[in-house]
PDB file of N, CA and C in Angstrom:
ATOM      1  N   MET A   1     -40.246-124.277 -89.775  1.00  0.00           N
ATOM      2  CA  MET A   1     -40.822-123.588 -90.911  1.00  0.00           C
ATOM      3  C   MET A   1     -41.087-122.146 -90.532  1.00  0.00           C
ATOM      4  N   ASP A   2     -40.873-121.234 -91.454  1.00  0.00           N
ATOM      5  CA  ASP A   2     -41.090-119.812 -91.200  1.00  0.00           C
ATOM      6  C   ASP A   2     -42.083-119.275 -92.213  1.00  0.00           C
ATOM      7  N   THR A   3     -43.136-118.650 -91.713  1.00  0.00           N
ATOM      8  CA  THR A   3     -44.170-118.069 -92.547  1.00  0.00           C
ATOM      9  C   THR A   3     -44.103-116.552 -92.425  1.00  0.00           C
ATOM     10  N   THR A   4     -44.478-115.851 -93.474  1.00  0.00           N
ATOM     11  CA  THR A   4     -44.507-114.394 -93.448  1.00  0.00           C
ATOM     12  C   THR A   4     -45.934-113.939 -93.717  1.00  0.00           C
ATOM     13  N   LEU A   5     -46.430-113.034 -92.869  1.00  0.00           N
ATOM     14  CA  LEU A   5     -47.776-112.478 -93.031  1.00  0.00           C
ATOM     15  C   LEU A   5     -47.736-110.979 -92.786  1.00  0.00           C
ATOM     16  N   THR A   6     -48.678-110.272 -93.378  1.00  0.00           N
ATOM     17  CA  THR A   6     -48.823-108.866 -93.029  1.00  0.00           C
ATOM     18  C   THR A   6     -49.451-108.794 -91.641  1.00  0.00           C
ATOM     19  N   VAL A   7     -49.273-107.662 -90.981  1.00  0.00           N
ATOM     20  CA  VAL A   7     -49.861-107.474 -89.658  1.00  0.00           C
ATOM     21  C   VAL A   7     -51.381-107.585 -89.753  1.00  0.00           C
ATOM     22  N   THR A   8     -51.955-107.044 -90.805  1.00  0.00           N
ATOM     23  CA  THR A   8     -53.401-107.100 -90.997  1.00  0.00           C
ATOM     24  C   THR A   8     -53.887-108.544 -91.120  1.00  0.00           C
ATOM     25  N   ALA A   9     -53.198-109.332 -91.946  1.00  0.00           N
ATOM     26  CA  ALA A   9     -53.590-110.744 -92.120  1.00  0.00           C
ATOM     27  C   ALA A   9     -53.419-111.511 -90.813  1.00  0.00           C
ATOM     28  N   ALA A  10     -52.362-111.213 -90.083  1.00  0.00           N
ATOM     29  CA  ALA A  10     -52.147-111.894 -88.799  1.00  0.00           C
ATOM     30  C   ALA A  10     -53.247-111.537 -87.808  1.00  0.00           C
ATOM     31  N   ALA A  11     -53.671-110.274 -87.801  1.00  0.00           N
ATOM     32  CA  ALA A  11     -54.739-109.854 -86.890  1.00  0.00           C
ATOM     33  C   ALA A  11     -56.050-110.566 -87.227  1.00  0.00           C
ATOM     34  N   ARG A  12     -56.317-110.690 -88.507  1.00  0.00           N
ATOM     35  CA  ARG A  12     -57.552-111.356 -88.935  1.00  0.00           C
ATOM     36  C   ARG A  12     -57.524-112.854 -88.626  1.00  0.00           C
ATOM     37  N   ASN A  13     -56.332-113.433 -88.585  1.00  0.00           N
ATOM     38  CA  ASN A  13     -56.191-114.881 -88.384  1.00  0.00           C
ATOM     39  C   ASN A  13     -55.326-115.192 -87.172  1.00  0.00           C
ATOM     40  N   PHE A  14     -55.455-114.386 -86.124  1.00  0.00           N
ATOM     41  CA  PHE A  14     -54.560-114.499 -84.980  1.00  0.00           C
ATOM     42  C   PHE A  14     -54.594-115.885 -84.343  1.00  0.00           C
ATOM     43  N   ALA A  15     -55.771-116.448 -84.186  1.00  0.00           N
ATOM     44  CA  ALA A  15     -55.872-117.781 -83.579  1.00  0.00           C
ATOM     45  C   ALA A  15     -55.107-118.807 -84.411  1.00  0.00           C
ATOM     46  N   GLU A  16     -55.181-118.688 -85.714  1.00  0.00           N
ATOM     47  CA  GLU A  16     -54.461-119.613 -86.602  1.00  0.00           C
ATOM     48  C   GLU A  16     -52.945-119.437 -86.466  1.00  0.00           C
ATOM     49  N   VAL A  17     -52.487-118.200 -86.347  1.00  0.00           N
ATOM     50  CA  VAL A  17     -51.053-117.931 -86.165  1.00  0.00           C
ATOM     51  C   VAL A  17     -50.571-118.569 -84.861  1.00  0.00           C
ATOM     52  N   VAL A  18     -51.347-118.384 -83.797  1.00  0.00           N
ATOM     53  CA  VAL A  18     -50.987-118.966 -82.504  1.00  0.00           C
ATOM     54  C   VAL A  18     -51.020-120.491 -82.575  1.00  0.00           C
ATOM     55  N   ASN A  19     -52.024-121.058 -83.204  1.00  0.00           N
ATOM     56  CA  ASN A  19     -52.117-122.518 -83.335  1.00  0.00           C
ATOM     57  C   ASN A  19     -50.933-123.093 -84.113  1.00  0.00           C
ATOM     58  N   ARG A  20     -50.500-122.401 -85.158  1.00  0.00           N
ATOM     59  CA  ARG A  20     -49.347-122.870 -85.928  1.00  0.00           C
ATOM     60  C   ARG A  20     -48.082-122.848 -85.081  1.00  0.00           C
ATOM     61  N   ALA A  21     -47.944-121.829 -84.247  1.00  0.00           N
ATOM     62  CA  ALA A  21     -46.775-121.773 -83.359  1.00  0.00           C
ATOM     63  C   ALA A  21     -46.846-122.908 -82.343  1.00  0.00           C
ATOM     64  N   TYR A  22     -48.002-123.143 -81.801  1.00  0.00           N
ATOM     65  CA  TYR A  22     -48.160-124.155 -80.746  1.00  0.00           C
ATOM     66  C   TYR A  22     -48.087-125.587 -81.278  1.00  0.00           C
ATOM     67  N   TYR A  23     -48.887-125.890 -82.296  1.00  0.00           N
ATOM     68  CA  TYR A  23     -48.992-127.269 -82.758  1.00  0.00           C
ATOM     69  C   TYR A  23     -47.912-127.666 -83.763  1.00  0.00           C
ATOM     70  N   ARG A  24     -47.520-126.736 -84.627  1.00  0.00           N
ATOM     71  CA  ARG A  24     -46.545-127.061 -85.671  1.00  0.00           C
ATOM     72  C   ARG A  24     -45.135-126.549 -85.378  1.00  0.00           C
ATOM     73  N   GLN A  25     -44.987-125.838 -84.259  1.00  0.00           N
ATOM     74  CA  GLN A  25     -43.695-125.228 -83.920  1.00  0.00           C
ATOM     75  C   GLN A  25     -43.227-124.307 -85.055  1.00  0.00           C
ATOM     76  N   GLU A  26     -44.180-123.573 -85.623  1.00  0.00           N
ATOM     77  CA  GLU A  26     -43.912-122.711 -86.772  1.00  0.00           C
ATOM     78  C   GLU A  26     -43.711-121.267 -86.325  1.00  0.00           C
ATOM     79  N   THR A  27     -42.738-120.603 -86.910  1.00  0.00           N
ATOM     80  CA  THR A  27     -42.480-119.196 -86.632  1.00  0.00           C
ATOM     81  C   THR A  27     -43.141-118.362 -87.717  1.00  0.00           C
ATOM     82  N   THR A  28     -43.787-117.265 -87.323  1.00  0.00           N
ATOM     83  CA  THR A  28     -44.425-116.365 -88.274  1.00  0.00           C
ATOM     84  C   THR A  28     -43.810-114.980 -88.125  1.00  0.00           C
ATOM     85  N   THR A  29     -43.310-114.442 -89.223  1.00  0.00           N
ATOM     86  CA  THR A  29     -42.759-113.091 -89.246  1.00  0.00           C
ATOM     87  C   THR A  29     -43.854-112.150 -89.736  1.00  0.00           C
ATOM     88  N   LEU A  30     -44.074-111.056 -88.998  1.00  0.00           N
ATOM     89  CA  LEU A  30     -45.125-110.103 -89.342  1.00  0.00           C
ATOM     90  C   LEU A  30     -44.524-108.897 -90.052  1.00  0.00           C
ATOM     91  N   LEU A  31     -45.167-108.502 -91.162  1.00  0.00           N
ATOM     92  CA  LEU A  31     -44.691-107.389 -91.968  1.00  0.00           C
ATOM     93  C   LEU A  31     -45.632-106.197 -91.875  1.00  0.00           C
ATOM     94  N   LYS A  32     -45.055-105.009 -91.793  1.00  0.00           N
ATOM     95  CA  LYS A  32     -45.829-103.768 -91.842  1.00  0.00           C
ATOM     96  C   LYS A  32     -45.157-102.912 -92.908  1.00  0.00           C
ATOM     97  N   ASN A  33     -45.911-102.524 -93.898  1.00  0.00           N
ATOM     98  CA  ASN A  33     -45.382-101.776 -95.043  1.00  0.00           C
ATOM     99  C   ASN A  33     -44.227-102.528 -95.697  1.00  0.00           C
ATOM    100  N   GLY A  34     -44.338-103.860 -95.736  1.00  0.00           N
ATOM    101  CA  GLY A  34     -43.348-104.679 -96.396  1.00  0.00           C
ATOM    102  C   GLY A  34     -42.082-104.955 -95.600  1.00  0.00           C
ATOM    103  N   LYS A  35     -42.009-104.442 -94.374  1.00  0.00           N
ATOM    104  CA  LYS A  35     -40.809-104.626 -93.556  1.00  0.00           C
ATOM    105  C   LYS A  35     -41.140-105.475 -92.328  1.00  0.00           C
ATOM    106  N   PRO A  36     -40.242-106.390 -91.944  1.00  0.00           N
ATOM    107  CA  PRO A  36     -40.483-107.202 -90.758  1.00  0.00           C
ATOM    108  C   PRO A  36     -40.493-106.344 -89.495  1.00  0.00           C
ATOM    109  N   VAL A  37     -41.528-106.534 -88.654  1.00  0.00           N
ATOM    110  CA  VAL A  37     -41.642-105.753 -87.417  1.00  0.00           C
ATOM    111  C   VAL A  37     -41.770-106.621 -86.171  1.00  0.00           C
ATOM    112  N   ALA A  38     -42.167-107.883 -86.341  1.00  0.00           N
ATOM    113  CA  ALA A  38     -42.361-108.751 -85.172  1.00  0.00           C
ATOM    114  C   ALA A  38     -42.357-110.196 -85.624  1.00  0.00           C
ATOM    115  N   ARG A  39     -42.194-111.082 -84.628  1.00  0.00           N
ATOM    116  CA  ARG A  39     -42.246-112.511 -84.898  1.00  0.00           C
ATOM    117  C   ARG A  39     -43.073-113.202 -83.828  1.00  0.00           C
ATOM    118  N   VAL A  40     -43.830-114.193 -84.236  1.00  0.00           N
ATOM    119  CA  VAL A  40     -44.547-115.066 -83.309  1.00  0.00           C
ATOM    120  C   VAL A  40     -43.790-116.392 -83.359  1.00  0.00           C
ATOM    121  N   VAL A  41     -43.207-116.766 -82.231  1.00  0.00           N
ATOM    122  CA  VAL A  41     -42.393-117.977 -82.187  1.00  0.00           C
ATOM    123  C   VAL A  41     -42.918-118.921 -81.124  1.00  0.00           C
ATOM    124  N   PRO A  42     -42.721-120.220 -81.312  1.00  0.00           N
ATOM    125  CA  PRO A  42     -43.105-121.169 -80.273  1.00  0.00           C
ATOM    126  C   PRO A  42     -42.285-120.914 -79.014  1.00  0.00           C
ATOM    127  N   VAL A  43     -42.898-120.959 -77.868  1.00  0.00           N
ATOM    128  CA  VAL A  43     -42.215-120.677 -76.611  1.00  0.00           C
ATOM    129  C   VAL A  43     -41.048-121.628 -76.387  1.00  0.00           C
ATOM    130  N   ALA A  44     -41.225-122.879 -76.669  1.00  0.00           N
ATOM    131  CA  ALA A  44     -40.169-123.858 -76.420  1.00  0.00           C
ATOM    132  C   ALA A  44     -38.880-123.497 -77.144  1.00  0.00           C
ATOM    133  N   SER A  45     -38.985-122.946 -78.357  1.00  0.00           N
ATOM    134  CA  SER A  45     -37.776-122.601 -79.094  1.00  0.00           C
ATOM    135  C   SER A  45     -37.203-121.260 -78.652  1.00  0.00           C
ATOM    136  N   ALA A  46     -37.996-120.435 -77.990  1.00  0.00           N
ATOM    137  CA  ALA A  46     -37.522-119.120 -77.579  1.00  0.00           C
ATOM    138  C   ALA A  46     -36.838-119.158 -76.216  1.00  0.00           C
ATOM    139  N   LEU A  47     -37.207-120.114 -75.361  1.00  0.00           N
ATOM    140  CA  LEU A  47     -36.651-120.163 -74.013  1.00  0.00           C
ATOM    141  C   LEU A  47     -35.400-121.015 -73.957  1.00  0.00           C
ATOM    142  N   LYS A  48     -34.447-120.575 -73.156  1.00  0.00           N
ATOM    143  CA  LYS A  48     -33.222-121.334 -72.914  1.00  0.00           C
ATOM    144  C   LYS A  48     -33.017-121.431 -71.419  1.00  0.00           C
ATOM    145  N   THR A  49     -32.415-122.515 -70.985  1.00  0.00           N
ATOM    146  CA  THR A  49     -32.111-122.639 -69.565  1.00  0.00           C
ATOM    147  C   THR A  49     -30.858-121.841 -69.263  1.00  0.00           C
ATOM    148  N   GLY A  50     -30.666-121.507 -67.999  1.00  0.00           N
ATOM    149  CA  GLY A  50     -29.469-120.782 -67.595  1.00  0.00           C
ATOM    150  C   GLY A  50     -28.216-121.555 -67.947  1.00  0.00           C
ATOM    151  N   LYS A  51     -28.288-122.861 -67.836  1.00  0.00           N
ATOM    152  CA  LYS A  51     -27.140-123.711 -68.155  1.00  0.00           C
ATOM    153  C   LYS A  51     -26.788-123.610 -69.637  1.00  0.00           C
ATOM    154  N   GLU A  52     -27.808-123.599 -70.503  1.00  0.00           N
ATOM    155  CA  GLU A  52     -27.573-123.478 -71.947  1.00  0.00           C
ATOM    156  C   GLU A  52     -26.985-122.112 -72.297  1.00  0.00           C
ATOM    157  N   ILE A  53     -27.492-121.069 -71.659  1.00  0.00           N
ATOM    158  CA  ILE A  53     -26.992-119.718 -71.926  1.00  0.00           C
ATOM    159  C   ILE A  53     -25.539-119.599 -71.470  1.00  0.00           C
ATOM    160  N   ALA A  54     -25.229-120.109 -70.281  1.00  0.00           N
ATOM    161  CA  ALA A  54     -23.861-120.046 -69.767  1.00  0.00           C
ATOM    162  C   ALA A  54     -22.902-120.819 -70.664  1.00  0.00           C
ATOM    163  N   ALA A  55     -23.326-121.982 -71.136  1.00  0.00           N
ATOM    164  CA  ALA A  55     -22.474-122.784 -72.011  1.00  0.00           C
ATOM    165  C   ALA A  55     -22.201-122.054 -73.318  1.00  0.00           C
ATOM    166  N   ARG A  56     -23.203-121.391 -73.843  1.00  0.00           N
ATOM    167  CA  ARG A  56     -23.017-120.660 -75.097  1.00  0.00           C
ATOM    168  C   ARG A  56     -22.106-119.458 -74.909  1.00  0.00           C
ATOM    169  N   MET A  57     -22.246-118.770 -73.782  1.00  0.00           N
ATOM    170  CA  MET A  57     -21.410-117.607 -73.523  1.00  0.00           C
ATOM    171  C   MET A  57     -19.954-117.997 -73.298  1.00  0.00           C
ATOM    172  N   ALA A  58     -19.724-119.187 -72.766  1.00  0.00           N
ATOM    173  CA  ALA A  58     -18.366-119.641 -72.473  1.00  0.00           C
ATOM    174  C   ALA A  58     -17.743-120.393 -73.643  1.00  0.00           C
ATOM    175  N   ALA A  59     -18.446-120.479 -74.747  1.00  0.00           N
ATOM    176  CA  ALA A  59     -17.951-121.259 -75.887  1.00  0.00           C
ATOM    177  C   ALA A  59     -16.599-120.734 -76.362  1.00  0.00           C
ATOM    178  N   ALA A  60     -15.704-121.665 -76.600  1.00  0.00           N
ATOM    179  CA  ALA A  60     -14.351-121.304 -77.042  1.00  0.00           C
ATOM    180  C   ALA A  60     -14.360-120.674 -78.427  1.00  0.00           C
ATOM    181  N   SER A  61     -15.393-120.938 -79.206  1.00  0.00           N
ATOM    182  CA  SER A  61     -15.447-120.407 -80.569  1.00  0.00           C
ATOM    183  C   SER A  61     -15.856-118.936 -80.610  1.00  0.00           C
ATOM    184  N   ARG A  62     -16.270-118.402 -79.466  1.00  0.00           N
ATOM    185  CA  ARG A  62     -16.680-116.997 -79.433  1.00  0.00           C
ATOM    186  C   ARG A  62     -15.473-116.109 -79.692  1.00  0.00           C
ATOM    187  N   PRO A  63     -15.570-115.154 -80.608  1.00  0.00           N
ATOM    188  CA  PRO A  63     -14.428-114.298 -80.917  1.00  0.00           C
ATOM    189  C   PRO A  63     -14.061-113.401 -79.738  1.00  0.00           C
ATOM    190  N   ARG A  64     -12.791-113.128 -79.602  1.00  0.00           N
ATOM    191  CA  ARG A  64     -12.270-112.271 -78.532  1.00  0.00           C
ATOM    192  C   ARG A  64     -11.558-111.078 -79.141  1.00  0.00           C
ATOM    193  N   LEU A  65     -11.633-109.941 -78.466  1.00  0.00           N
ATOM    194  CA  LEU A  65     -10.911-108.753 -78.904  1.00  0.00           C
ATOM    195  C   LEU A  65      -9.485-108.788 -78.367  1.00  0.00           C
ATOM    196  N   THR A  66      -8.574-108.289 -79.176  1.00  0.00           N
ATOM    197  CA  THR A  66      -7.212-108.110 -78.675  1.00  0.00           C
ATOM    198  C   THR A  66      -7.236-106.902 -77.741  1.00  0.00           C
ATOM    199  N   PRO A  67      -6.225-106.722 -76.894  1.00  0.00           N
ATOM    200  CA  PRO A  67      -6.209-105.534 -76.027  1.00  0.00           C
ATOM    201  C   PRO A  67      -6.299-104.226 -76.813  1.00  0.00           C
ATOM    202  N   GLU A  68      -5.664-104.160 -77.975  1.00  0.00           N
ATOM    203  CA  GLU A  68      -5.722-102.947 -78.807  1.00  0.00           C
ATOM    204  C   GLU A  68      -7.135-102.720 -79.344  1.00  0.00           C
ATOM    205  N   GLU A  69      -7.790-103.799 -79.786  1.00  0.00           N
ATOM    206  CA  GLU A  69      -9.158-103.689 -80.289  1.00  0.00           C
ATOM    207  C   GLU A  69     -10.111-103.273 -79.171  1.00  0.00           C
ATOM    208  N   ALA A  70      -9.922-103.821 -77.981  1.00  0.00           N
ATOM    209  CA  ALA A  70     -10.774-103.477 -76.845  1.00  0.00           C
ATOM    210  C   ALA A  70     -10.613-102.004 -76.483  1.00  0.00           C
ATOM    211  N   GLU A  71      -9.391-101.511 -76.499  1.00  0.00           N
ATOM    212  CA  GLU A  71      -9.149-100.103 -76.182  1.00  0.00           C
ATOM    213  C   GLU A  71      -9.771 -99.195 -77.238  1.00  0.00           C
ATOM    214  N   SER A  72      -9.631 -99.565 -78.504  1.00  0.00           N
ATOM    215  CA  SER A  72     -10.229 -98.785 -79.593  1.00  0.00           C
ATOM    216  C   SER A  72     -11.751 -98.792 -79.489  1.00  0.00           C
ATOM    217  N   PHE A  73     -12.323 -99.949 -79.145  1.00  0.00           N
ATOM    218  CA  PHE A  73     -13.767-100.067 -78.978  1.00  0.00           C
ATOM    219  C   PHE A  73     -14.253 -99.174 -77.841  1.00  0.00           C
ATOM    220  N   GLU A  74     -13.530 -99.176 -76.729  1.00  0.00           N
ATOM    221  CA  GLU A  74     -13.892 -98.332 -75.595  1.00  0.00           C
ATOM    222  C   GLU A  74     -13.838 -96.855 -75.981  1.00  0.00           C
ATOM    223  N   THR A  75     -12.816 -96.456 -76.709  1.00  0.00           N
ATOM    224  CA  THR A  75     -12.690 -95.067 -77.165  1.00  0.00           C
ATOM    225  C   THR A  75     -13.864 -94.684 -78.058  1.00  0.00           C
ATOM    226  N   ASP A  76     -14.217 -95.570 -78.988  1.00  0.00           N
ATOM    227  CA  ASP A  76     -15.348 -95.316 -79.884  1.00  0.00           C
ATOM    228  C   ASP A  76     -16.655 -95.191 -79.101  1.00  0.00           C
ATOM    229  N   LEU A  77     -16.852 -96.069 -78.106  1.00  0.00           N
ATOM    230  CA  LEU A  77     -18.072 -96.004 -77.292  1.00  0.00           C
ATOM    231  C   LEU A  77     -18.172 -94.690 -76.528  1.00  0.00           C
ATOM    232  N   ARG A  78     -17.079 -94.279 -75.922  1.00  0.00           N
ATOM    233  CA  ARG A  78     -17.084 -93.020 -75.168  1.00  0.00           C
ATOM    234  C   ARG A  78     -17.399 -91.847 -76.081  1.00  0.00           C
ATOM    235  N   ALA A  79     -16.817 -91.825 -77.278  1.00  0.00           N
ATOM    236  CA  ALA A  79     -17.078 -90.744 -78.233  1.00  0.00           C
ATOM    237  C   ALA A  79     -18.540 -90.761 -78.674  1.00  0.00           C
ATOM    238  N   ALA A  80     -19.079 -91.931 -78.923  1.00  0.00           N
ATOM    239  CA  ALA A  80     -20.480 -92.034 -79.354  1.00  0.00           C
ATOM    240  C   ALA A  80     -21.428 -91.583 -78.255  1.00  0.00           C
ATOM    241  N   ARG A  81     -21.121 -91.944 -77.008  1.00  0.00           N
ATOM    242  CA  ARG A  81     -21.973 -91.549 -75.882  1.00  0.00           C
ATOM    243  C   ARG A  81     -21.999 -90.044 -75.700  1.00  0.00           C
ATOM    244  N   LYS A  82     -20.915 -89.382 -75.987  1.00  0.00           N
ATOM    245  CA  LYS A  82     -20.865 -87.919 -75.865  1.00  0.00           C
ATOM    246  C   LYS A  82     -21.743 -87.248 -76.915  1.00  0.00           C
ATOM    247  N   LYS A  83     -21.888 -87.886 -78.085  1.00  0.00           N
ATOM    248  CA  LYS A  83     -22.649 -87.296 -79.190  1.00  0.00           C
ATOM    249  C   LYS A  83     -24.157 -87.536 -79.067  1.00  0.00           C
ATOM    250  N   VAL A  84     -24.553 -88.529 -78.290  1.00  0.00           N
ATOM    251  CA  VAL A  84     -25.968 -88.891 -78.178  1.00  0.00           C
ATOM    252  C   VAL A  84     -26.583 -88.148 -77.001  1.00  0.00           C
ATOM    253  N   SER A  85     -27.708 -87.477 -77.278  1.00  0.00           N
ATOM    254  CA  SER A  85     -28.389 -86.767 -76.194  1.00  0.00           C
ATOM    255  C   SER A  85     -29.275 -87.740 -75.427  1.00  0.00           C
ATOM    256  N   GLN A  86     -29.552 -87.392 -74.171  1.00  0.00           N
ATOM    257  CA  GLN A  86     -30.409 -88.207 -73.339  1.00  0.00           C
ATOM    258  C   GLN A  86     -31.850 -88.089 -73.827  1.00  0.00           C
ATOM    259  N   PRO A  87     -32.632 -89.166 -73.794  1.00  0.00           N
ATOM    260  CA  PRO A  87     -34.046 -89.082 -74.190  1.00  0.00           C
ATOM    261  C   PRO A  87     -34.822 -88.197 -73.220  1.00  0.00           C
ATOM    262  N   LEU A  88     -35.867 -87.562 -73.752  1.00  0.00           N
ATOM    263  CA  LEU A  88     -36.705 -86.699 -72.925  1.00  0.00           C
ATOM    264  C   LEU A  88     -37.535 -87.514 -71.939  1.00  0.00           C
ATOM    265  N   SER A  89     -37.932 -88.714 -72.359  1.00  0.00           N
ATOM    266  CA  SER A  89     -38.667 -89.601 -71.477  1.00  0.00           C
ATOM    267  C   SER A  89     -38.226 -91.031 -71.768  1.00  0.00           C
ATOM    268  N   GLN A  90     -38.667 -91.974 -70.966  1.00  0.00           N
ATOM    269  CA  GLN A  90     -38.291 -93.360 -71.181  1.00  0.00           C
ATOM    270  C   GLN A  90     -38.877 -93.927 -72.464  1.00  0.00           C
ATOM    271  N   TRP A  91     -39.836 -93.229 -73.064  1.00  0.00           N
ATOM    272  CA  TRP A  91     -40.495 -93.726 -74.278  1.00  0.00           C
ATOM    273  C   TRP A  91     -39.878 -93.153 -75.537  1.00  0.00           C
ATOM    274  N   ASP A  92     -38.933 -92.247 -75.429  1.00  0.00           N
ATOM    275  CA  ASP A  92     -38.293 -91.662 -76.608  1.00  0.00           C
ATOM    276  C   ASP A  92     -37.191 -92.546 -77.134  1.00  0.00           C
TER     277      ASP A  92
END
């Protein structure tokens, strides 16, 4: 189940939000100015074992790029990197 709350309502009822995640395995999406900004999720559903991650990454259904698509993607990345300036600090 997924619940949506404003950040203010979640702050006022934080213990309840945490209890719902823990006891009901419920996910809560937090909204600020009507836009989703964060989620409170049960830990069990958020964590994956290394074996599960490796199996998902090796899945045959994962789409693959053709050599031409990969080359075009690399060209686009290089061009984009040239246009983006370095941040002034790690927080920018």
